[in-house]
Amino acid sequence: MKKVVSVSLGSSRRDHRVNTVLLGTEFEISRRGTDGDFERALAILRELDGNVDAIGLGGIDLYLYAGRTRYTVNDGLKLLEAVKKTPVVDGSGLKNTLERETAYYLRKHTGLLPPGSKVLMVSAVDRFGMAEALAELGCDMTFGDLIFAAGIPYPIKTVEELEEIAHKTLPEMVKLPFHMLYPTGKKQDTQDEKKVEKFGHYYHQADVIAGDYHLVRRYMPGGLKGQLVITNTTTREDVEFLREKGVGWLVTTTPEYDGRSFGTNVIEAVMVVLLGKSWEDITPEDYLEMMDRLEMKPRVQELGRRP
């Protein structure tokens, strides 16, 4: 049996373990949250190194992208360098392929993403592939990177402007402790009420809300009118939270196992095992082929009807 473990800076309340068979290979897939404790994450990674088949880094990005430029997050690199033997991934390689394909799938196979859809991406620098695909499909984009990360009420409207701003800000931002850039530990279970009140109208104005679930959740107001949410990892509790806020449709980009979807870091780690290649040698075409062999499609769930 192959063992894949996601070590996350997120809440341990979201831990999960499942056994499954993929392409004839038995897997034990699990998540271990550290409640934002960076030193504990380092210790677990060193403990797992050489004892499991692949490791995913959860609750943190190793790389952020703007166009063809890749920026390395210092804290993510520290976690990566703690592992000497076992393949370790953060999901960014798969994410860039998977989330583009999700946008194309929704346009081709559903009526949920017509041209001109007003899309709010709470943060786009960690999902540049999705941002490019949605813009390419003719959506009316609002990138909320400055709004929600910096509290600056400036909606970025084009991929070109997003890339320009990213090139100016990311070289310094990636040097910051990661908890300053992204909710870790208990912050994943709470909302930023000040920003919800101040910037919630951006959610209400959108037809589609897209991006990392923890960021989407952290700033989401109530009283939504059946909007579509495109995101990654959700639990049953997350689905209820979205339903209570008035979300009408939920699309998750990763498969569901035993009642929840795992993050892209987990699915990428599984693919690394199945492909038998080092991460550096895996191409977007490899991911696409593996997605096809695994019959991976976005999960589309209706939570409530639009009024």
C-alpha atoms as a PDB file:
ATOM      1  CA  MET A   1       0.000   0.000   0.000  1.00  0.00           C
ATOM      2  CA  LYS A   2       1.248   3.452  -0.923  1.00  0.00           C
ATOM      3  CA  LYS A   3       1.078   6.126   1.772  1.00  0.00           C
ATOM      4  CA  VAL A   4       0.538   9.804   0.971  1.00  0.00           C
ATOM      5  CA  VAL A   5       0.416  12.361   3.782  1.00  0.00           C
ATOM      6  CA  SER A   6      -0.452  16.044   3.627  1.00  0.00           C
ATOM      7  CA  VAL A   7       1.241  18.085   6.353  1.00  0.00           C
ATOM      8  CA  SER A   8      -0.720  21.297   6.743  1.00  0.00           C
ATOM      9  CA  LEU A   9      -0.310  24.553   8.623  1.00  0.00           C
ATOM     10  CA  GLY A  10      -4.081  24.560   8.803  1.00  0.00           C
ATOM     11  CA  SER A  11      -6.453  23.470  11.537  1.00  0.00           C
ATOM     12  CA  SER A  12      -6.203  19.906  12.831  1.00  0.00           C
ATOM     13  CA  ARG A  13     -10.026  19.899  12.935  1.00  0.00           C
ATOM     14  CA  ARG A  14      -9.903  19.237   9.182  1.00  0.00           C
ATOM     15  CA  ASP A  15      -7.747  16.088   9.494  1.00  0.00           C
ATOM     16  CA  HIS A  16      -8.937  13.116   7.488  1.00  0.00           C
ATOM     17  CA  ARG A  17      -7.764   9.666   6.474  1.00  0.00           C
ATOM     18  CA  VAL A  18      -9.073   7.449   3.689  1.00  0.00           C
ATOM     19  CA  ASN A  19      -8.079   4.204   1.956  1.00  0.00           C
ATOM     20  CA  THR A  20      -8.752   3.965  -1.751  1.00  0.00           C
ATOM     21  CA  VAL A  21      -7.612   2.169  -4.911  1.00  0.00           C
ATOM     22  CA  LEU A  22      -6.447   4.269  -7.867  1.00  0.00           C
ATOM     23  CA  LEU A  23      -5.431   2.648 -11.162  1.00  0.00           C
ATOM     24  CA  GLY A  24      -5.026  -0.669  -9.364  1.00  0.00           C
ATOM     25  CA  THR A  25      -2.788   0.779  -6.639  1.00  0.00           C
ATOM     26  CA  GLU A  26      -3.917   0.837  -2.994  1.00  0.00           C
ATOM     27  CA  PHE A  27      -3.431   4.166  -1.242  1.00  0.00           C
ATOM     28  CA  GLU A  28      -3.723   5.390   2.316  1.00  0.00           C
ATOM     29  CA  ILE A  29      -4.221   9.152   2.055  1.00  0.00           C
ATOM     30  CA  SER A  30      -4.185  11.309   5.177  1.00  0.00           C
ATOM     31  CA  ARG A  31      -3.929  14.906   6.329  1.00  0.00           C
ATOM     32  CA  ARG A  32      -2.154  16.134   9.475  1.00  0.00           C
ATOM     33  CA  GLY A  33      -2.892  19.712  10.482  1.00  0.00           C
ATOM     34  CA  THR A  34      -0.560  21.576  12.820  1.00  0.00           C
ATOM     35  CA  ASP A  35      -2.837  24.475  13.841  1.00  0.00           C
ATOM     36  CA  GLY A  36      -0.384  27.010  12.450  1.00  0.00           C
ATOM     37  CA  ASP A  37       2.589  25.628  14.400  1.00  0.00           C
ATOM     38  CA  PHE A  38       5.495  25.922  11.954  1.00  0.00           C
ATOM     39  CA  GLU A  39       8.000  24.060  14.159  1.00  0.00           C
ATOM     40  CA  ARG A  40       5.551  21.194  14.607  1.00  0.00           C
ATOM     41  CA  ALA A  41       5.129  20.986  10.833  1.00  0.00           C
ATOM     42  CA  LEU A  42       8.917  20.761  10.440  1.00  0.00           C
ATOM     43  CA  ALA A  43       9.061  17.981  13.044  1.00  0.00           C
ATOM     44  CA  ILE A  44       6.316  15.952  11.343  1.00  0.00           C
ATOM     45  CA  LEU A  45       7.988  16.331   7.955  1.00  0.00           C
ATOM     46  CA  ARG A  46      11.288  15.042   9.342  1.00  0.00           C
ATOM     47  CA  GLU A  47       9.428  12.145  10.978  1.00  0.00           C
ATOM     48  CA  LEU A  48       7.706  11.184   7.714  1.00  0.00           C
ATOM     49  CA  ASP A  49      10.758  11.590   5.499  1.00  0.00           C
ATOM     50  CA  GLY A  50      11.710   8.197   4.091  1.00  0.00           C
ATOM     51  CA  ASN A  51       8.720   6.493   5.725  1.00  0.00           C
ATOM     52  CA  VAL A  52       5.939   7.399   3.267  1.00  0.00           C
ATOM     53  CA  ASP A  53       5.728   7.428  -0.527  1.00  0.00           C
ATOM     54  CA  ALA A  54       4.931  11.115  -1.061  1.00  0.00           C
ATOM     55  CA  ILE A  55       4.236  14.224   1.020  1.00  0.00           C
ATOM     56  CA  GLY A  56       2.001  17.181   0.260  1.00  0.00           C
ATOM     57  CA  LEU A  57       2.501  20.594   1.820  1.00  0.00           C
ATOM     58  CA  GLY A  58      -0.898  21.980   2.817  1.00  0.00           C
ATOM     59  CA  GLY A  59      -1.966  25.369   4.107  1.00  0.00           C
ATOM     60  CA  ILE A  60       1.026  27.008   2.436  1.00  0.00           C
ATOM     61  CA  ASP A  61       2.271  27.747  -1.052  1.00  0.00           C
ATOM     62  CA  LEU A  62       5.804  26.937  -2.095  1.00  0.00           C
ATOM     63  CA  TYR A  63       5.419  28.965  -5.280  1.00  0.00           C
ATOM     64  CA  LEU A  64       3.324  31.919  -6.406  1.00  0.00           C
ATOM     65  CA  TYR A  65       3.025  32.687 -10.099  1.00  0.00           C
ATOM     66  CA  ALA A  66       2.581  35.796 -12.207  1.00  0.00           C
ATOM     67  CA  GLY A  67       2.634  34.973 -15.910  1.00  0.00           C
ATOM     68  CA  ARG A  68       5.724  32.890 -16.541  1.00  0.00           C
ATOM     69  CA  THR A  69       7.532  34.162 -13.465  1.00  0.00           C
ATOM     70  CA  ARG A  70       7.634  31.932 -10.389  1.00  0.00           C
ATOM     71  CA  TYR A  71       8.267  33.333  -6.907  1.00  0.00           C
ATOM     72  CA  THR A  72       9.408  31.059  -4.081  1.00  0.00           C
ATOM     73  CA  VAL A  73       7.788  31.575  -0.660  1.00  0.00           C
ATOM     74  CA  ASN A  74      10.546  31.542   1.968  1.00  0.00           C
ATOM     75  CA  ASP A  75       8.558  29.631   4.602  1.00  0.00           C
ATOM     76  CA  GLY A  76       7.468  27.079   2.014  1.00  0.00           C
ATOM     77  CA  LEU A  77      11.086  26.532   1.036  1.00  0.00           C
ATOM     78  CA  LYS A  78      12.035  25.912   4.680  1.00  0.00           C
ATOM     79  CA  LEU A  79       9.419  23.137   4.864  1.00  0.00           C
ATOM     80  CA  LEU A  80      10.531  21.655   1.557  1.00  0.00           C
ATOM     81  CA  GLU A  81      14.169  21.560   2.631  1.00  0.00           C
ATOM     82  CA  ALA A  82      13.268  19.616   5.791  1.00  0.00           C
ATOM     83  CA  VAL A  83      12.506  16.604   3.572  1.00  0.00           C
ATOM     84  CA  LYS A  84      15.568  14.836   2.122  1.00  0.00           C
ATOM     85  CA  LYS A  85      14.295  11.493   0.770  1.00  0.00           C
ATOM     86  CA  THR A  86      10.549  11.479   0.088  1.00  0.00           C
ATOM     87  CA  PRO A  87       9.026  13.336  -2.905  1.00  0.00           C
ATOM     88  CA  VAL A  88       7.286  16.481  -1.628  1.00  0.00           C
ATOM     89  CA  VAL A  89       4.897  18.787  -3.524  1.00  0.00           C
ATOM     90  CA  ASP A  90       2.679  21.762  -2.726  1.00  0.00           C
ATOM     91  CA  GLY A  91       0.069  21.252  -5.443  1.00  0.00           C
ATOM     92  CA  SER A  92       1.172  24.192  -7.594  1.00  0.00           C
ATOM     93  CA  GLY A  93       2.207  22.007 -10.526  1.00  0.00           C
ATOM     94  CA  LEU A  94      -1.153  20.269 -10.762  1.00  0.00           C
ATOM     95  CA  LYS A  95      -3.136  23.357  -9.760  1.00  0.00           C
ATOM     96  CA  ASN A  96      -2.037  25.292 -12.826  1.00  0.00           C
ATOM     97  CA  THR A  97      -3.357  22.501 -15.073  1.00  0.00           C
ATOM     98  CA  LEU A  98      -6.365  21.272 -13.089  1.00  0.00           C
ATOM     99  CA  GLU A  99      -7.940  24.654 -12.437  1.00  0.00           C
ATOM    100  CA  ARG A 100      -7.609  25.812 -16.023  1.00  0.00           C
ATOM    101  CA  GLU A 101      -9.385  22.630 -17.084  1.00  0.00           C
ATOM    102  CA  THR A 102     -12.122  23.258 -14.505  1.00  0.00           C
ATOM    103  CA  ALA A 103     -12.974  26.588 -16.103  1.00  0.00           C
ATOM    104  CA  TYR A 104     -13.049  25.034 -19.587  1.00  0.00           C
ATOM    105  CA  TYR A 105     -15.177  22.129 -18.317  1.00  0.00           C
ATOM    106  CA  LEU A 106     -17.775  24.458 -16.796  1.00  0.00           C
ATOM    107  CA  ARG A 107     -18.082  26.440 -20.013  1.00  0.00           C
ATOM    108  CA  LYS A 108     -18.385  23.339 -22.185  1.00  0.00           C
ATOM    109  CA  HIS A 109     -20.577  21.096 -20.044  1.00  0.00           C
ATOM    110  CA  THR A 110     -22.707  23.420 -17.878  1.00  0.00           C
ATOM    111  CA  GLY A 111     -24.552  26.694 -18.118  1.00  0.00           C
ATOM    112  CA  LEU A 112     -22.963  28.014 -14.939  1.00  0.00           C
ATOM    113  CA  LEU A 113     -20.220  30.092 -16.578  1.00  0.00           C
ATOM    114  CA  PRO A 114     -21.622  31.999 -19.577  1.00  0.00           C
ATOM    115  CA  PRO A 115     -19.550  34.712 -21.302  1.00  0.00           C
ATOM    116  CA  GLY A 116     -19.711  37.962 -19.361  1.00  0.00           C
ATOM    117  CA  SER A 117     -20.112  36.262 -15.984  1.00  0.00           C
ATOM    118  CA  LYS A 118     -18.981  38.609 -13.208  1.00  0.00           C
ATOM    119  CA  VAL A 119     -16.221  36.712 -11.409  1.00  0.00           C
ATOM    120  CA  LEU A 120     -14.580  37.680  -8.131  1.00  0.00           C
ATOM    121  CA  MET A 121     -11.268  35.946  -7.468  1.00  0.00           C
ATOM    122  CA  VAL A 122     -10.478  36.744  -3.829  1.00  0.00           C
ATOM    123  CA  SER A 123      -6.795  36.055  -4.546  1.00  0.00           C
ATOM    124  CA  ALA A 124      -5.394  35.280  -7.986  1.00  0.00           C
ATOM    125  CA  VAL A 125      -1.602  35.110  -7.518  1.00  0.00           C
ATOM    126  CA  ASP A 126      -1.948  31.642  -5.980  1.00  0.00           C
ATOM    127  CA  ARG A 127      -4.242  30.567  -8.844  1.00  0.00           C
ATOM    128  CA  PHE A 128      -2.863  32.312 -11.887  1.00  0.00           C
ATOM    129  CA  GLY A 129      -3.885  29.463 -14.211  1.00  0.00           C
ATOM    130  CA  MET A 130      -7.530  29.761 -13.205  1.00  0.00           C
ATOM    131  CA  ALA A 131      -7.349  33.554 -13.496  1.00  0.00           C
ATOM    132  CA  GLU A 132      -6.014  33.340 -17.057  1.00  0.00           C
ATOM    133  CA  ALA A 133      -8.572  30.720 -18.101  1.00  0.00           C
ATOM    134  CA  LEU A 134     -11.576  32.650 -16.748  1.00  0.00           C
ATOM    135  CA  ALA A 135     -10.380  35.844 -18.438  1.00  0.00           C
ATOM    136  CA  GLU A 136      -9.784  33.941 -21.676  1.00  0.00           C
ATOM    137  CA  LEU A 137     -13.376  32.681 -21.548  1.00  0.00           C
ATOM    138  CA  GLY A 138     -14.669  36.250 -21.581  1.00  0.00           C
ATOM    139  CA  CYS A 139     -15.626  36.619 -17.922  1.00  0.00           C
ATOM    140  CA  ASP A 140     -15.837  40.076 -16.340  1.00  0.00           C
ATOM    141  CA  MET A 141     -13.017  39.664 -13.830  1.00  0.00           C
ATOM    142  CA  THR A 142     -12.379  41.299 -10.475  1.00  0.00           C
ATOM    143  CA  PHE A 143      -9.123  40.203  -8.832  1.00  0.00           C
ATOM    144  CA  GLY A 144      -9.305  40.980  -5.104  1.00  0.00           C
ATOM    145  CA  ASP A 145      -5.621  40.552  -4.211  1.00  0.00           C
ATOM    146  CA  LEU A 146      -5.174  44.175  -3.077  1.00  0.00           C
ATOM    147  CA  ILE A 147      -8.661  44.399  -1.571  1.00  0.00           C
ATOM    148  CA  PHE A 148      -8.509  41.419   0.758  1.00  0.00           C
ATOM    149  CA  ALA A 149      -4.774  40.971   1.361  1.00  0.00           C
ATOM    150  CA  ALA A 150      -3.871  44.641   1.789  1.00  0.00           C
ATOM    151  CA  GLY A 151      -7.219  46.272   2.583  1.00  0.00           C
ATOM    152  CA  ILE A 152      -6.883  48.552  -0.452  1.00  0.00           C
ATOM    153  CA  PRO A 153     -10.263  48.990  -2.175  1.00  0.00           C
ATOM    154  CA  TYR A 154      -8.812  48.668  -5.664  1.00  0.00           C
ATOM    155  CA  PRO A 155     -10.280  45.948  -7.888  1.00  0.00           C
ATOM    156  CA  ILE A 156      -7.810  44.672 -10.469  1.00  0.00           C
ATOM    157  CA  LYS A 157      -9.691  44.058 -13.705  1.00  0.00           C
ATOM    158  CA  THR A 158      -7.235  42.479 -16.156  1.00  0.00           C
ATOM    159  CA  VAL A 159      -4.676  39.669 -16.069  1.00  0.00           C
ATOM    160  CA  GLU A 160      -2.092  42.094 -17.469  1.00  0.00           C
ATOM    161  CA  GLU A 161      -2.571  44.525 -14.575  1.00  0.00           C
ATOM    162  CA  LEU A 162      -2.558  41.645 -12.092  1.00  0.00           C
ATOM    163  CA  GLU A 163       0.757  40.462 -13.504  1.00  0.00           C
ATOM    164  CA  GLU A 164       2.228  43.969 -13.388  1.00  0.00           C
ATOM    165  CA  ILE A 165       1.224  44.492  -9.746  1.00  0.00           C
ATOM    166  CA  ALA A 166       2.431  41.001  -8.812  1.00  0.00           C
ATOM    167  CA  HIS A 167       5.867  41.672 -10.293  1.00  0.00           C
ATOM    168  CA  LYS A 168       6.129  44.780  -8.122  1.00  0.00           C
ATOM    169  CA  THR A 169       4.875  43.266  -4.852  1.00  0.00           C
ATOM    170  CA  LEU A 170       5.598  39.530  -4.758  1.00  0.00           C
ATOM    171  CA  PRO A 171       9.421  39.692  -4.502  1.00  0.00           C
ATOM    172  CA  GLU A 172       9.049  41.258  -1.045  1.00  0.00           C
ATOM    173  CA  MET A 173       5.833  39.534   0.024  1.00  0.00           C
ATOM    174  CA  VAL A 174       7.297  36.032  -0.340  1.00  0.00           C
ATOM    175  CA  LYS A 175       9.910  36.936   2.292  1.00  0.00           C
ATOM    176  CA  LEU A 176       7.229  37.518   4.956  1.00  0.00           C
ATOM    177  CA  PRO A 177       6.152  34.856   7.472  1.00  0.00           C
ATOM    178  CA  PHE A 178       3.408  32.944   5.682  1.00  0.00           C
ATOM    179  CA  HIS A 179       0.804  33.550   8.400  1.00  0.00           C
ATOM    180  CA  MET A 180       0.892  37.227   7.361  1.00  0.00           C
ATOM    181  CA  LEU A 181      -0.178  36.274   3.839  1.00  0.00           C
ATOM    182  CA  TYR A 182      -2.691  33.497   4.464  1.00  0.00           C
ATOM    183  CA  PRO A 183      -4.889  32.299   7.351  1.00  0.00           C
ATOM    184  CA  THR A 184      -3.300  29.402   9.240  1.00  0.00           C
ATOM    185  CA  GLY A 185      -4.375  27.447  12.331  1.00  0.00           C
ATOM    186  CA  LYS A 186      -7.467  28.790  14.093  1.00  0.00           C
ATOM    187  CA  LYS A 187      -7.779  31.703  11.657  1.00  0.00           C
ATOM    188  CA  GLN A 188      -9.079  29.176   9.145  1.00  0.00           C
ATOM    189  CA  ASP A 189     -12.158  28.713  11.315  1.00  0.00           C
ATOM    190  CA  THR A 190     -12.908  32.441  11.762  1.00  0.00           C
ATOM    191  CA  GLN A 191     -13.902  35.344   9.568  1.00  0.00           C
ATOM    192  CA  ASP A 192     -12.310  38.772   9.295  1.00  0.00           C
ATOM    193  CA  GLU A 193     -15.454  40.653  10.294  1.00  0.00           C
ATOM    194  CA  LYS A 194     -14.040  44.104   9.513  1.00  0.00           C
ATOM    195  CA  LYS A 195     -13.236  43.143   5.944  1.00  0.00           C
ATOM    196  CA  VAL A 196     -16.503  41.238   5.594  1.00  0.00           C
ATOM    197  CA  GLU A 197     -18.368  44.428   6.474  1.00  0.00           C
ATOM    198  CA  LYS A 198     -16.148  46.706   4.415  1.00  0.00           C
ATOM    199  CA  PHE A 199     -15.699  44.627   1.295  1.00  0.00           C
ATOM    200  CA  GLY A 200     -18.601  42.160   1.308  1.00  0.00           C
ATOM    201  CA  HIS A 201     -20.298  44.045  -1.495  1.00  0.00           C
ATOM    202  CA  TYR A 202     -17.758  42.638  -3.937  1.00  0.00           C
ATOM    203  CA  TYR A 203     -19.231  39.185  -3.222  1.00  0.00           C
ATOM    204  CA  HIS A 204     -22.780  40.432  -3.707  1.00  0.00           C
ATOM    205  CA  GLN A 205     -21.902  42.022  -7.054  1.00  0.00           C
ATOM    206  CA  ALA A 206     -20.395  38.789  -8.415  1.00  0.00           C
ATOM    207  CA  ASP A 207     -22.083  35.903 -10.204  1.00  0.00           C
ATOM    208  CA  VAL A 208     -19.107  33.641  -9.476  1.00  0.00           C
ATOM    209  CA  ILE A 209     -16.722  33.615  -6.496  1.00  0.00           C
ATOM    210  CA  ALA A 210     -13.489  31.725  -7.109  1.00  0.00           C
ATOM    211  CA  GLY A 211     -10.275  30.893  -5.269  1.00  0.00           C
ATOM    212  CA  ASP A 212      -8.805  29.202  -2.237  1.00  0.00           C
ATOM    213  CA  TYR A 213     -11.554  28.056   0.110  1.00  0.00           C
ATOM    214  CA  HIS A 214     -10.078  29.519   3.301  1.00  0.00           C
ATOM    215  CA  LEU A 215      -9.771  32.952   1.700  1.00  0.00           C
ATOM    216  CA  VAL A 216     -13.244  32.723   0.144  1.00  0.00           C
ATOM    217  CA  ARG A 217     -14.685  31.771   3.542  1.00  0.00           C
ATOM    218  CA  ARG A 218     -12.772  34.361   5.546  1.00  0.00           C
ATOM    219  CA  TYR A 219     -14.323  37.342   3.756  1.00  0.00           C
ATOM    220  CA  MET A 220     -17.732  35.956   2.725  1.00  0.00           C
ATOM    221  CA  PRO A 221     -20.807  37.969   3.804  1.00  0.00           C
ATOM    222  CA  GLY A 222     -24.281  36.564   4.331  1.00  0.00           C
ATOM    223  CA  GLY A 223     -27.281  37.203   2.154  1.00  0.00           C
ATOM    224  CA  LEU A 224     -25.834  35.943  -1.102  1.00  0.00           C
ATOM    225  CA  LYS A 225     -28.256  35.272  -3.949  1.00  0.00           C
ATOM    226  CA  GLY A 226     -27.345  31.865  -5.321  1.00  0.00           C
ATOM    227  CA  GLN A 227     -23.822  32.625  -6.509  1.00  0.00           C
ATOM    228  CA  LEU A 228     -21.510  29.908  -7.831  1.00  0.00           C
ATOM    229  CA  VAL A 229     -18.357  29.186  -5.806  1.00  0.00           C
ATOM    230  CA  ILE A 230     -15.370  27.533  -7.530  1.00  0.00           C
ATOM    231  CA  THR A 231     -12.862  26.348  -4.969  1.00  0.00           C
ATOM    232  CA  ASN A 232     -10.686  23.469  -3.809  1.00  0.00           C
ATOM    233  CA  THR A 233     -10.948  21.637  -0.492  1.00  0.00           C
ATOM    234  CA  THR A 234     -14.287  21.424   1.306  1.00  0.00           C
ATOM    235  CA  THR A 235     -15.717  19.376   4.146  1.00  0.00           C
ATOM    236  CA  ARG A 236     -19.379  18.697   4.923  1.00  0.00           C
ATOM    237  CA  GLU A 237     -19.244  21.593   7.420  1.00  0.00           C
ATOM    238  CA  ASP A 238     -17.875  23.885   4.718  1.00  0.00           C
ATOM    239  CA  VAL A 239     -20.762  22.996   2.417  1.00  0.00           C
ATOM    240  CA  GLU A 240     -23.252  23.898   5.139  1.00  0.00           C
ATOM    241  CA  PHE A 241     -21.448  27.194   5.772  1.00  0.00           C
ATOM    242  CA  LEU A 242     -21.720  28.105   2.091  1.00  0.00           C
ATOM    243  CA  ARG A 243     -25.377  27.098   1.961  1.00  0.00           C
ATOM    244  CA  GLU A 244     -26.159  29.268   5.001  1.00  0.00           C
ATOM    245  CA  LYS A 245     -24.457  32.253   3.347  1.00  0.00           C
ATOM    246  CA  GLY A 246     -26.715  31.882   0.308  1.00  0.00           C
ATOM    247  CA  VAL A 247     -24.383  30.185  -2.167  1.00  0.00           C
ATOM    248  CA  GLY A 248     -26.361  28.385  -4.882  1.00  0.00           C
ATOM    249  CA  TRP A 249     -23.755  26.178  -6.537  1.00  0.00           C
ATOM    250  CA  LEU A 250     -20.434  24.699  -5.436  1.00  0.00           C
ATOM    251  CA  VAL A 251     -17.727  23.423  -7.780  1.00  0.00           C
ATOM    252  CA  THR A 252     -14.699  21.700  -6.272  1.00  0.00           C
ATOM    253  CA  THR A 253     -11.709  21.083  -8.502  1.00  0.00           C
ATOM    254  CA  THR A 254     -10.436  17.957  -6.712  1.00  0.00           C
ATOM    255  CA  PRO A 255     -12.177  14.585  -6.244  1.00  0.00           C
ATOM    256  CA  GLU A 256     -14.197  13.735  -3.167  1.00  0.00           C
ATOM    257  CA  TYR A 257     -13.109  10.827  -0.977  1.00  0.00           C
ATOM    258  CA  ASP A 258     -15.285   9.746   1.940  1.00  0.00           C
ATOM    259  CA  GLY A 259     -17.291  12.960   2.133  1.00  0.00           C
ATOM    260  CA  ARG A 260     -14.630  15.583   1.499  1.00  0.00           C
ATOM    261  CA  SER A 261     -12.372  16.856  -1.240  1.00  0.00           C
ATOM    262  CA  PHE A 262      -8.634  16.847  -0.607  1.00  0.00           C
ATOM    263  CA  GLY A 263      -6.333  19.703  -1.622  1.00  0.00           C
ATOM    264  CA  THR A 264      -4.329  19.834  -4.824  1.00  0.00           C
ATOM    265  CA  ASN A 265      -1.171  19.080  -2.842  1.00  0.00           C
ATOM    266  CA  VAL A 266      -2.601  15.663  -1.939  1.00  0.00           C
ATOM    267  CA  ILE A 267      -3.764  14.845  -5.471  1.00  0.00           C
ATOM    268  CA  GLU A 268      -0.442  15.979  -6.913  1.00  0.00           C
ATOM    269  CA  ALA A 269       1.399  13.753  -4.413  1.00  0.00           C
ATOM    270  CA  VAL A 270      -0.764  10.795  -5.502  1.00  0.00           C
ATOM    271  CA  MET A 271       0.045  11.538  -9.135  1.00  0.00           C
ATOM    272  CA  VAL A 272       3.777  11.689  -8.404  1.00  0.00           C
ATOM    273  CA  VAL A 273       3.520   8.175  -6.970  1.00  0.00           C
ATOM    274  CA  LEU A 274       1.499   6.871  -9.925  1.00  0.00           C
ATOM    275  CA  LEU A 275       3.737   8.508 -12.528  1.00  0.00           C
ATOM    276  CA  GLY A 276       6.936   7.273 -10.903  1.00  0.00           C
ATOM    277  CA  LYS A 277       8.749  10.465 -11.927  1.00  0.00           C
ATOM    278  CA  SER A 278      10.508  13.166  -9.960  1.00  0.00           C
ATOM    279  CA  TRP A 279       8.449  16.349  -9.622  1.00  0.00           C
ATOM    280  CA  GLU A 280      10.876  18.335 -11.788  1.00  0.00           C
ATOM    281  CA  ASP A 281      10.343  15.934 -14.710  1.00  0.00           C
ATOM    282  CA  ILE A 282       6.530  15.996 -14.672  1.00  0.00           C
ATOM    283  CA  THR A 283       4.964  18.092 -17.454  1.00  0.00           C
ATOM    284  CA  PRO A 284       1.491  19.638 -17.804  1.00  0.00           C
ATOM    285  CA  GLU A 285       0.807  16.939 -20.397  1.00  0.00           C
ATOM    286  CA  ASP A 286       1.603  14.278 -17.764  1.00  0.00           C
ATOM    287  CA  TYR A 287      -0.937  15.825 -15.404  1.00  0.00           C
ATOM    288  CA  LEU A 288      -3.560  16.036 -18.151  1.00  0.00           C
ATOM    289  CA  GLU A 289      -3.025  12.392 -19.096  1.00  0.00           C
ATOM    290  CA  MET A 290      -3.238  11.296 -15.458  1.00  0.00           C
ATOM    291  CA  MET A 291      -6.396  13.343 -14.926  1.00  0.00           C
ATOM    292  CA  ASP A 292      -7.904  11.543 -17.924  1.00  0.00           C
ATOM    293  CA  ARG A 293      -6.847   8.093 -16.668  1.00  0.00           C
ATOM    294  CA  LEU A 294      -8.267   8.864 -13.213  1.00  0.00           C
ATOM    295  CA  GLU A 295     -11.443  10.241 -14.847  1.00  0.00           C
ATOM    296  CA  MET A 296     -11.065  13.412 -12.787  1.00  0.00           C
ATOM    297  CA  LYS A 297     -13.803  15.943 -13.372  1.00  0.00           C
ATOM    298  CA  PRO A 298     -14.921  18.903 -11.287  1.00  0.00           C
ATOM    299  CA  ARG A 299     -17.613  18.085  -8.758  1.00  0.00           C
ATOM    300  CA  VAL A 300     -20.673  20.269  -9.360  1.00  0.00           C
ATOM    301  CA  GLN A 301     -23.142  20.472  -6.488  1.00  0.00           C
ATOM    302  CA  GLU A 302     -26.336  22.494  -6.263  1.00  0.00           C
ATOM    303  CA  LEU A 303     -26.776  23.983  -2.792  1.00  0.00           C
ATOM    304  CA  GLY A 304     -29.855  26.065  -3.407  1.00  0.00           C
ATOM    305  CA  ARG A 305     -31.811  27.487  -6.281  1.00  0.00           C
ATOM    306  CA  ARG A 306     -31.342  30.978  -7.612  1.00  0.00           C
ATOM    307  CA  PRO A 307     -34.390  33.137  -6.812  1.00  0.00           C
END
